[in-house]
Amino acid sequence: MNSENSITILFLASDPSDASRLRLGQELRDIQQRLQLAKQREKFVL
């Protein structure tokens, strides 16, 4: 893959201990799944 033509997506997550449980793992899996379904999926690096 040519890095000049790719789009890098940085996924940052934080789960504060005093907040209700976040579904960060599920959110990441959802993003990965959507990227795999994209027409130009080879352009994205997560």
Protein backbone atom coordinates (compact mmCIF):
# COMPACT_ATOMS: atom_id res chain seq x y z
CA MET A 1 0.00 0.00 0.00
CA ASN A 2 1.32 3.43 -0.89
CA SER A 3 1.29 5.53 2.28
CA GLU A 4 1.01 8.72 0.23
CA ASN A 5 -2.40 7.65 -1.05
CA SER A 6 -3.73 6.14 2.17
CA ILE A 7 -5.83 7.75 4.87
CA THR A 8 -4.72 6.91 8.40
CA ILE A 9 -7.41 6.82 11.07
CA LEU A 10 -6.25 7.09 14.66
CA PHE A 11 -8.67 5.59 17.18
CA LEU A 12 -8.08 6.90 20.70
CA ALA A 13 -10.18 5.72 23.60
CA SER A 14 -10.34 6.43 27.29
CA ASP A 15 -12.59 4.76 29.83
CA PRO A 16 -12.70 6.84 33.03
CA SER A 17 -13.21 4.70 36.12
CA ASP A 18 -15.93 6.97 37.51
CA ALA A 19 -18.10 6.82 34.37
CA SER A 20 -20.58 4.16 33.35
CA ARG A 21 -19.04 1.35 31.30
CA LEU A 22 -18.28 2.43 27.74
CA ARG A 23 -18.41 0.04 24.80
CA LEU A 24 -15.06 1.03 23.30
CA GLY A 25 -14.19 -2.44 22.00
CA GLN A 26 -17.52 -2.71 20.25
CA GLU A 27 -17.16 0.77 18.79
CA LEU A 28 -13.74 -0.15 17.35
CA ARG A 29 -15.13 -3.37 15.85
CA ASP A 30 -18.01 -1.40 14.31
CA ILE A 31 -15.57 1.04 12.69
CA GLN A 32 -13.43 -1.82 11.36
CA GLN A 33 -16.49 -3.54 9.93
CA ARG A 34 -17.67 -0.36 8.19
CA LEU A 35 -14.24 0.21 6.71
CA GLN A 36 -14.22 -3.34 5.31
CA LEU A 37 -17.55 -2.61 3.59
CA ALA A 38 -16.31 0.68 2.08
CA LYS A 39 -15.84 0.83 -1.68
CA GLN A 40 -12.31 2.19 -1.32
CA ARG A 41 -11.38 0.21 1.79
CA GLU A 42 -7.77 -0.23 0.65
CA LYS A 43 -7.22 3.51 1.14
CA PHE A 44 -7.86 3.38 4.90
CA VAL A 45 -5.45 2.33 7.64
CA LEU A 46 -6.91 2.08 11.13
